[in-house]
Structure formats: C-alpha cells, structure tokens
Amino acid sequence: MPYVLISTQIRLEVGPTMVGDEHSDPHLMSILGATKRNTLGNNFCEYFVNDAPRVVLDKLESLGYRVVSMTGVGQTLVWCLHRE
C-alpha cells in the first residue's frame, strides 16, 4: 500500500494520532504500534497510536514514506504520505 493518511485534531497535536483505517496494512500498523479502535457512533474502525504526529512522520520516513501534502480541515491536521 503506497499511500498513508495520518491525522490528529489540533487540540491533540501531541497525540493520539490516527494512522489508518480498517483496510490499512496490518504489518505497517504493527510496526507503528497502532491499535484498532471503533469510536462510538462510527460503523468503521481506525488505527491509532499514542505518539505525536511528528514521531509518526519520523517513523514513516524511516520506512521510505515521504509527505506528499499536508492540510488543515476544520480542527483536524491531515498528512498524506507515499512510498515508491
């Protein structure tokens, strides 16, 4: 899976960080130390880590991922990464 989206809410910029959805690569999620959660009211699961986004970005860079774009959506920060 060459693309990864990570996000966090602005008031939680020290973590936790959302690192994947229920269809994300389980091996990559294991490397990141992510756990799958189902938030009350959602009919889907997401993977989270307790690390700050900066720590997650460092880990993904060491695995060959590069930031393609970053944006703010309301009170959420989102990064899109790609690996060749």
C-alpha atoms as a PDB file:
ATOM      1  CA  MET A   1       0.000   0.000   0.000  1.00  0.00           C
ATOM      2  CA  PRO A   2       1.921   3.057  -1.200  1.00  0.00           C
ATOM      3  CA  TYR A   3      -0.305   5.788   0.353  1.00  0.00           C
ATOM      4  CA  VAL A   4      -0.903   6.525   4.020  1.00  0.00           C
ATOM      5  CA  LEU A   5      -3.059   9.235   5.615  1.00  0.00           C
ATOM      6  CA  ILE A   6      -2.401  10.294   9.182  1.00  0.00           C
ATOM      7  CA  SER A   7      -4.327  12.898  11.127  1.00  0.00           C
ATOM      8  CA  THR A   8      -4.842  14.465  14.513  1.00  0.00           C
ATOM      9  CA  GLN A   9      -7.079  17.105  15.966  1.00  0.00           C
ATOM     10  CA  ILE A  10      -5.372  20.456  16.547  1.00  0.00           C
ATOM     11  CA  ARG A  11      -6.013  20.353  20.283  1.00  0.00           C
ATOM     12  CA  LEU A  12      -4.387  16.887  20.359  1.00  0.00           C
ATOM     13  CA  GLU A  13      -1.204  17.706  18.438  1.00  0.00           C
ATOM     14  CA  VAL A  14       0.796  15.704  20.993  1.00  0.00           C
ATOM     15  CA  GLY A  15      -1.285  12.591  20.271  1.00  0.00           C
ATOM     16  CA  PRO A  16      -3.050  10.360  19.760  1.00  0.00           C
ATOM     17  CA  THR A  17      -2.560  10.199  16.007  1.00  0.00           C
ATOM     18  CA  MET A  18      -4.866   8.373  13.604  1.00  0.00           C
ATOM     19  CA  VAL A  19      -2.646   6.338  11.276  1.00  0.00           C
ATOM     20  CA  GLY A  20      -5.004   4.184   9.237  1.00  0.00           C
ATOM     21  CA  ASP A  21      -8.445   2.818   8.541  1.00  0.00           C
ATOM     22  CA  GLU A  22      -9.779  -0.712   8.884  1.00  0.00           C
ATOM     23  CA  HIS A  23      -8.317  -1.623   5.469  1.00  0.00           C
ATOM     24  CA  SER A  24      -4.752  -0.477   6.243  1.00  0.00           C
ATOM     25  CA  ASP A  25      -1.775  -2.810   6.006  1.00  0.00           C
ATOM     26  CA  PRO A  26      -1.715  -4.761   9.306  1.00  0.00           C
ATOM     27  CA  HIS A  27       2.064  -5.191   9.094  1.00  0.00           C
ATOM     28  CA  LEU A  28       2.634  -1.426   8.802  1.00  0.00           C
ATOM     29  CA  MET A  29       0.184  -0.797  11.637  1.00  0.00           C
ATOM     30  CA  SER A  30       2.125  -3.285  13.773  1.00  0.00           C
ATOM     31  CA  ILE A  31       5.424  -1.505  13.015  1.00  0.00           C
ATOM     32  CA  LEU A  32       3.862   1.809  14.063  1.00  0.00           C
ATOM     33  CA  GLY A  33       2.489   0.221  17.247  1.00  0.00           C
ATOM     34  CA  ALA A  34      -1.080   1.106  16.266  1.00  0.00           C
ATOM     35  CA  THR A  35      -4.204  -0.353  17.801  1.00  0.00           C
ATOM     36  CA  LYS A  36      -7.540  -0.682  16.034  1.00  0.00           C
ATOM     37  CA  ARG A  37     -10.422   1.200  17.651  1.00  0.00           C
ATOM     38  CA  ASN A  38     -14.084   1.633  16.914  1.00  0.00           C
ATOM     39  CA  THR A  39     -15.241   5.065  18.077  1.00  0.00           C
ATOM     40  CA  LEU A  40     -18.753   5.186  19.499  1.00  0.00           C
ATOM     41  CA  GLY A  41     -21.183   6.155  16.737  1.00  0.00           C
ATOM     42  CA  ASN A  42     -18.917   5.079  13.860  1.00  0.00           C
ATOM     43  CA  ASN A  43     -19.621   1.952  11.821  1.00  0.00           C
ATOM     44  CA  PHE A  44     -15.927   1.604  10.908  1.00  0.00           C
ATOM     45  CA  CYS A  45     -12.610   1.110  12.714  1.00  0.00           C
ATOM     46  CA  GLU A  46      -9.486   3.264  12.718  1.00  0.00           C
ATOM     47  CA  TYR A  47      -5.898   2.632  13.833  1.00  0.00           C
ATOM     48  CA  PHE A  48      -4.419   4.974  16.445  1.00  0.00           C
ATOM     49  CA  VAL A  49      -1.044   5.418  18.119  1.00  0.00           C
ATOM     50  CA  ASN A  50      -0.406   7.473  21.251  1.00  0.00           C
ATOM     51  CA  ASP A  51       2.574   9.193  19.589  1.00  0.00           C
ATOM     52  CA  ALA A  52       2.560  12.773  18.367  1.00  0.00           C
ATOM     53  CA  PRO A  53       2.274  13.221  14.575  1.00  0.00           C
ATOM     54  CA  ARG A  54       5.952  14.272  14.411  1.00  0.00           C
ATOM     55  CA  VAL A  55       7.024  10.928  15.859  1.00  0.00           C
ATOM     56  CA  VAL A  56       4.774   9.040  13.412  1.00  0.00           C
ATOM     57  CA  LEU A  57       6.136  11.075  10.484  1.00  0.00           C
ATOM     58  CA  ASP A  58       9.707  10.238  11.575  1.00  0.00           C
ATOM     59  CA  LYS A  59       8.856   6.525  11.742  1.00  0.00           C
ATOM     60  CA  LEU A  60       7.203   6.562   8.315  1.00  0.00           C
ATOM     61  CA  GLU A  61      10.143   8.447   6.796  1.00  0.00           C
ATOM     62  CA  SER A  62      12.497   5.746   8.072  1.00  0.00           C
ATOM     63  CA  LEU A  63      10.268   3.208   6.249  1.00  0.00           C
ATOM     64  CA  GLY A  64      10.582   5.075   2.932  1.00  0.00           C
ATOM     65  CA  TYR A  65       7.429   7.221   3.046  1.00  0.00           C
ATOM     66  CA  ARG A  66       7.521  10.874   2.002  1.00  0.00           C
ATOM     67  CA  VAL A  67       4.975  13.607   2.721  1.00  0.00           C
ATOM     68  CA  VAL A  68       3.026  14.449  -0.437  1.00  0.00           C
ATOM     69  CA  SER A  69       0.722  17.038   1.102  1.00  0.00           C
ATOM     70  CA  MET A  70      -0.496  18.435   4.390  1.00  0.00           C
ATOM     71  CA  THR A  71      -3.619  20.434   5.157  1.00  0.00           C
ATOM     72  CA  GLY A  72      -5.915  21.569   7.895  1.00  0.00           C
ATOM     73  CA  VAL A  73      -9.565  20.554   7.707  1.00  0.00           C
ATOM     74  CA  GLY A  74     -11.578  22.343  10.376  1.00  0.00           C
ATOM     75  CA  GLN A  75      -9.883  21.384  13.641  1.00  0.00           C
ATOM     76  CA  THR A  76      -8.006  18.439  12.081  1.00  0.00           C
ATOM     77  CA  LEU A  77      -4.488  18.250  10.633  1.00  0.00           C
ATOM     78  CA  VAL A  78      -4.003  15.715   7.819  1.00  0.00           C
ATOM     79  CA  TRP A  79      -0.820  14.436   6.159  1.00  0.00           C
ATOM     80  CA  CYS A  80      -0.715  12.302   3.002  1.00  0.00           C
ATOM     81  CA  LEU A  81       2.398  10.180   2.530  1.00  0.00           C
ATOM     82  CA  HIS A  82       3.565   7.989  -0.351  1.00  0.00           C
ATOM     83  CA  ARG A  83       6.192   5.277  -0.686  1.00  0.00           C
ATOM     84  CA  GLU A  84       7.745   4.358  -4.044  1.00  0.00           C
END
